[in-house]
Amino acid sequence: MPTEKNISITKSLVLLTVSIVLAISLNQSVALAAVANDAVKAVAALIKSLGQSKNLLQEHQILLRQIGSKVDDFIPYLSSYPKDQRIVVLLGAAEQKGLIKPTEKLRWNHDLLNGKIDEDDLIEMLRANQSSEEVMKSVNAMIPKIKHDNLSSEARETLKLIDNGGPFPYAQDGTVFHNREGKLPTKSPHYYHEYTVKSSNSNGRGAQRIITGENGVKYFTDDHYQSFKEIKP
C-alpha cells in the first residue's frame, strides 16, 4: 500500500513532469529550467506552510488550555509571535473564560489590530478576570488630550528627563503611581509611574506631575491627580 509520503512525492513529481513537458513543447530551454525550479519552490513552500500552520495551531491550543489566570507566565512566550497571532490566542483565552462573547471577538480583533484597543487592555482583562464591558468602560474613559508643544517648559523638561532615564530631582520620581483616585484607566498595580514637574511658584514638589504607563502612554496633571490630560506628540 502506498504511504501518504509516497503519494505526496508522486504528486510533486507529476507536477514537475507536466511543467517540463509544457516547457519542451514551447521549445524554450530557458523556460524549462525556470518553470521546473518554480514548481519545486512552490511545492516546498506549500509543504512548509502546512507544517508550520499545524505546529502553530497545536501551540495555540495548548496555550489556550493553560493560560487560565496565569497570563503573566505566558507574556514572554507570546511576545515571540506576531501581533495578529498573539491577539488570536488572547481573545481565545478570554472567550474560554467567559469574559468576552463569541459575537464580540471579530470587533475586538479589528480594534486591537487598528490600535483602537490596546493589547495591554486585553491582557488586563485576563489578568483581572474583567468582563469586556468593564474593560471598555476604562478604554472609553473621556480623558482630554494636550499636545506636547502646549505643555509648560517645565513639563517638557521633565519629559526629556524621562526619555533620558534621569537624573531626576526628587526621590519619589519613578515610583509607582497607584491611581487611587481612579481618574485613569484601571491597569495592573505596577502599570503607572509618576514624575514631578518642578513648579517655580512652589517651595516643595508642587501639584504638577507626569504619569507614564507601561505601553508608552503619558499623562499630565496640574492639580495633584484630580484631573489628567493625555500627552500627544
Protein backbone atom coordinates (compact mmCIF):
# COMPACT_ATOMS: atom_id res chain seq x y z
CA MET A 1 0.00 0.00 0.00
CA PRO A 2 1.37 3.43 -0.90
CA THR A 3 2.10 5.66 2.08
CA GLU A 4 0.96 9.28 2.37
CA LYS A 5 4.58 10.33 1.96
CA ASN A 6 4.93 8.35 -1.28
CA ILE A 7 1.67 9.82 -2.59
CA SER A 8 2.91 13.32 -1.80
CA ILE A 9 6.21 12.67 -3.60
CA THR A 10 4.35 11.21 -6.58
CA LYS A 11 2.15 14.30 -6.83
CA SER A 12 5.21 16.53 -6.73
CA LEU A 13 6.87 14.50 -9.50
CA VAL A 14 3.73 14.70 -11.62
CA LEU A 15 3.70 18.47 -11.23
CA LEU A 16 7.33 18.65 -12.26
CA THR A 17 6.75 16.38 -15.27
CA VAL A 18 3.83 18.47 -16.52
CA SER A 19 5.91 21.62 -16.16
CA ILE A 20 8.80 20.09 -18.09
CA VAL A 21 6.57 18.84 -20.89
CA LEU A 22 4.96 22.26 -21.19
CA ALA A 23 8.34 23.95 -21.42
CA ILE A 24 9.63 21.48 -24.05
CA SER A 25 6.51 21.86 -26.13
CA LEU A 26 7.16 25.59 -26.24
CA ASN A 27 10.75 24.85 -27.27
CA GLN A 28 12.09 27.22 -24.66
CA SER A 29 15.06 25.73 -22.89
CA VAL A 30 15.38 28.72 -20.54
CA ALA A 31 11.72 28.47 -19.62
CA LEU A 32 12.25 24.76 -18.90
CA ALA A 33 14.65 25.46 -16.06
CA ALA A 34 12.60 28.38 -14.72
CA VAL A 35 9.27 26.53 -14.70
CA ALA A 36 10.79 23.42 -13.15
CA ASN A 37 12.53 25.48 -10.48
CA ASP A 38 9.35 27.44 -9.69
CA ALA A 39 7.39 24.21 -9.37
CA VAL A 40 9.90 22.81 -6.89
CA LYS A 41 9.80 26.01 -4.86
CA ALA A 42 6.00 26.09 -4.89
CA VAL A 43 5.73 22.50 -3.63
CA ALA A 44 8.36 23.10 -0.92
CA ALA A 45 6.70 26.32 0.21
CA LEU A 46 3.30 24.65 0.41
CA ILE A 47 4.60 21.73 2.47
CA LYS A 48 6.49 24.12 4.77
CA SER A 49 3.43 26.35 5.19
CA LEU A 50 1.16 23.43 6.06
CA GLY A 51 3.67 22.12 8.56
CA GLN A 52 4.08 25.48 10.27
CA SER A 53 0.34 26.08 10.41
CA LYS A 54 -0.19 22.74 12.08
CA ASN A 55 2.51 23.44 14.68
CA LEU A 56 1.15 26.91 15.42
CA LEU A 57 -2.36 25.56 15.79
CA GLN A 58 -1.17 22.94 18.24
CA GLU A 59 0.76 25.53 20.24
CA HIS A 60 -2.25 27.86 20.33
CA GLN A 61 -4.49 25.09 21.63
CA ILE A 62 -2.01 24.26 24.38
CA LEU A 63 -1.73 27.92 25.37
CA LEU A 64 -5.49 28.38 25.47
CA ARG A 65 -5.82 25.42 27.81
CA GLN A 66 -3.02 26.59 30.11
CA ILE A 67 -3.29 30.38 30.29
CA GLY A 68 -6.13 30.43 32.82
CA SER A 69 -5.47 33.13 35.41
CA LYS A 70 -1.69 33.00 34.95
CA VAL A 71 -1.49 35.13 31.84
CA ASP A 72 1.73 36.83 33.02
CA ASP A 73 3.55 33.49 32.83
CA PHE A 74 2.85 33.39 29.10
CA ILE A 75 3.56 37.00 28.10
CA PRO A 76 7.30 36.40 27.39
CA TYR A 77 6.41 33.37 25.26
CA LEU A 78 3.64 35.17 23.38
CA SER A 79 5.96 38.09 22.62
CA SER A 80 7.75 35.89 20.07
CA TYR A 81 4.56 35.72 17.99
CA PRO A 82 3.41 38.40 15.53
CA LYS A 83 0.76 40.72 16.97
CA ASP A 84 -2.12 39.20 14.99
CA GLN A 85 -1.31 35.72 16.34
CA ARG A 86 -0.95 36.97 19.92
CA ILE A 87 -4.38 38.57 19.64
CA VAL A 88 -5.92 35.31 18.39
CA VAL A 89 -4.52 33.43 21.39
CA LEU A 90 -5.51 36.06 23.97
CA LEU A 91 -9.02 36.51 22.56
CA GLY A 92 -9.47 32.75 22.56
CA ALA A 93 -8.42 32.59 26.22
CA ALA A 94 -10.82 35.43 27.09
CA GLU A 95 -13.67 33.59 25.35
CA GLN A 96 -12.87 30.34 27.16
CA LYS A 97 -13.02 32.18 30.49
CA GLY A 98 -16.37 33.72 29.56
CA LEU A 99 -15.00 37.26 29.60
CA ILE A 100 -15.88 38.02 26.01
CA LYS A 101 -18.75 36.82 23.85
CA PRO A 102 -18.06 34.97 20.58
CA THR A 103 -20.01 37.68 18.74
CA GLU A 104 -17.61 40.33 20.12
CA LYS A 105 -14.38 38.68 19.03
CA LEU A 106 -14.40 39.97 15.45
CA ARG A 107 -14.86 43.60 16.54
CA TRP A 108 -12.24 43.27 19.26
CA ASN A 109 -9.79 41.71 16.81
CA HIS A 110 -10.33 44.60 14.37
CA ASP A 111 -9.98 47.27 17.07
CA LEU A 112 -6.87 45.65 18.54
CA LEU A 113 -5.14 45.42 15.16
CA ASN A 114 -6.01 49.05 14.40
CA GLY A 115 -4.94 50.45 17.76
CA LYS A 116 -8.43 51.39 18.97
CA ILE A 117 -7.97 48.97 21.87
CA ASP A 118 -4.53 48.41 23.40
CA GLU A 119 -3.21 44.86 23.67
CA ASP A 120 -2.48 45.62 27.33
CA ASP A 121 -6.22 46.10 27.89
CA LEU A 122 -6.84 42.58 26.61
CA ILE A 123 -4.10 41.20 28.87
CA GLU A 124 -5.58 43.11 31.81
CA MET A 125 -8.97 41.55 31.06
CA LEU A 126 -7.44 38.10 31.52
CA ARG A 127 -5.30 39.11 34.48
CA ALA A 128 -8.15 40.67 36.47
CA ASN A 129 -10.98 38.45 35.16
CA GLN A 130 -12.78 41.56 33.94
CA SER A 131 -15.67 41.36 31.53
CA SER A 132 -15.34 43.04 28.14
CA GLU A 133 -17.89 45.65 29.28
CA GLU A 134 -15.73 46.61 32.28
CA VAL A 135 -12.62 46.89 30.13
CA MET A 136 -14.36 49.07 27.57
CA LYS A 137 -15.50 51.46 30.28
CA SER A 138 -11.85 52.10 31.09
CA VAL A 139 -10.81 52.25 27.44
CA ASN A 140 -13.51 54.77 26.65
CA ALA A 141 -12.85 56.98 29.68
CA MET A 142 -13.02 60.56 28.45
CA ILE A 143 -9.55 61.93 29.12
CA PRO A 144 -8.79 65.18 27.27
CA LYS A 145 -5.64 65.48 25.19
CA ILE A 146 -2.86 68.05 25.25
CA LYS A 147 -0.13 68.43 22.64
CA HIS A 148 3.48 68.19 23.72
CA ASP A 149 4.22 71.70 22.42
CA ASN A 150 1.38 73.15 24.52
CA LEU A 151 2.89 71.94 27.79
CA SER A 152 4.87 74.31 30.00
CA SER A 153 8.65 74.38 29.56
CA GLU A 154 8.96 72.68 32.98
CA ALA A 155 6.73 69.79 31.88
CA ARG A 156 8.66 69.39 28.61
CA GLU A 157 11.90 69.33 30.60
CA THR A 158 10.51 66.52 32.78
CA LEU A 159 9.58 64.56 29.65
CA LYS A 160 13.18 64.89 28.44
CA LEU A 161 14.44 63.52 31.75
CA ILE A 162 12.02 60.58 31.46
CA ASP A 163 13.22 59.82 27.92
CA ASN A 164 16.86 60.02 29.05
CA GLY A 165 16.34 57.98 32.20
CA GLY A 166 17.16 60.88 34.57
CA PRO A 167 18.73 62.28 36.61
CA PHE A 168 15.56 63.19 38.50
CA PRO A 169 15.34 65.93 41.14
CA TYR A 170 13.19 64.03 43.65
CA ALA A 171 13.49 60.59 45.25
CA GLN A 172 9.81 59.95 44.53
CA ASP A 173 10.33 60.28 40.78
CA GLY A 174 9.84 56.96 39.00
CA THR A 175 7.89 55.38 41.84
CA VAL A 176 4.66 53.50 41.24
CA PHE A 177 1.52 55.59 40.83
CA HIS A 178 -1.40 53.61 42.24
CA ASN A 179 -4.25 55.54 40.58
CA ARG A 180 -6.18 55.58 43.87
CA GLU A 181 -8.36 58.43 42.61
CA GLY A 182 -9.48 56.24 39.69
CA LYS A 183 -9.05 59.05 37.17
CA LEU A 184 -7.01 56.94 34.76
CA PRO A 185 -7.95 53.61 33.10
CA THR A 186 -7.72 50.68 35.51
CA LYS A 187 -4.49 48.74 35.00
CA SER A 188 -2.27 46.29 36.85
CA PRO A 189 -0.78 47.51 40.17
CA HIS A 190 2.63 48.49 38.74
CA TYR A 191 1.47 49.80 35.37
CA TYR A 192 1.81 53.54 36.13
CA HIS A 193 4.79 55.56 37.40
CA GLU A 194 4.93 59.22 38.42
CA TYR A 195 7.41 62.05 37.91
CA THR A 196 7.48 65.54 39.39
CA VAL A 197 7.21 68.64 37.25
CA LYS A 198 9.11 71.43 39.01
CA SER A 199 6.95 74.41 39.82
CA SER A 200 8.66 77.79 40.00
CA ASN A 201 5.98 79.13 42.35
CA SER A 202 6.24 76.26 44.85
CA ASN A 203 8.82 75.52 47.53
CA GLY A 204 8.04 71.79 47.53
CA ARG A 205 7.14 69.37 44.77
CA GLY A 206 4.04 71.31 43.85
CA ALA A 207 0.92 69.84 42.22
CA GLN A 208 2.20 69.06 38.72
CA ARG A 209 3.07 65.50 37.71
CA ILE A 210 3.62 63.40 34.64
CA ILE A 211 2.32 59.83 34.83
CA THR A 212 3.70 57.19 32.46
CA GLY A 213 2.21 53.83 31.50
CA GLU A 214 3.98 50.64 30.51
CA ASN A 215 2.75 50.94 26.92
CA GLY A 216 4.34 54.38 26.48
CA VAL A 217 1.27 56.49 27.24
CA LYS A 218 1.88 59.69 29.24
CA TYR A 219 -0.50 61.90 31.23
CA PHE A 220 -0.12 65.36 32.75
CA THR A 221 -1.84 66.65 35.90
CA ASP A 222 -1.52 70.16 37.32
CA ASP A 223 -3.90 69.66 40.27
CA HIS A 224 -2.31 66.70 42.10
CA TYR A 225 -4.17 63.81 40.41
CA GLN A 226 -7.64 65.36 40.41
CA SER A 227 -7.68 65.61 36.59
CA PHE A 228 -5.46 64.45 33.76
CA LYS A 229 -4.66 65.21 30.14
CA GLU A 230 -3.09 62.64 27.82
CA ILE A 231 0.07 63.98 26.22
CA LYS A 232 0.13 63.65 22.44
CA PRO A 233 3.09 64.28 20.09
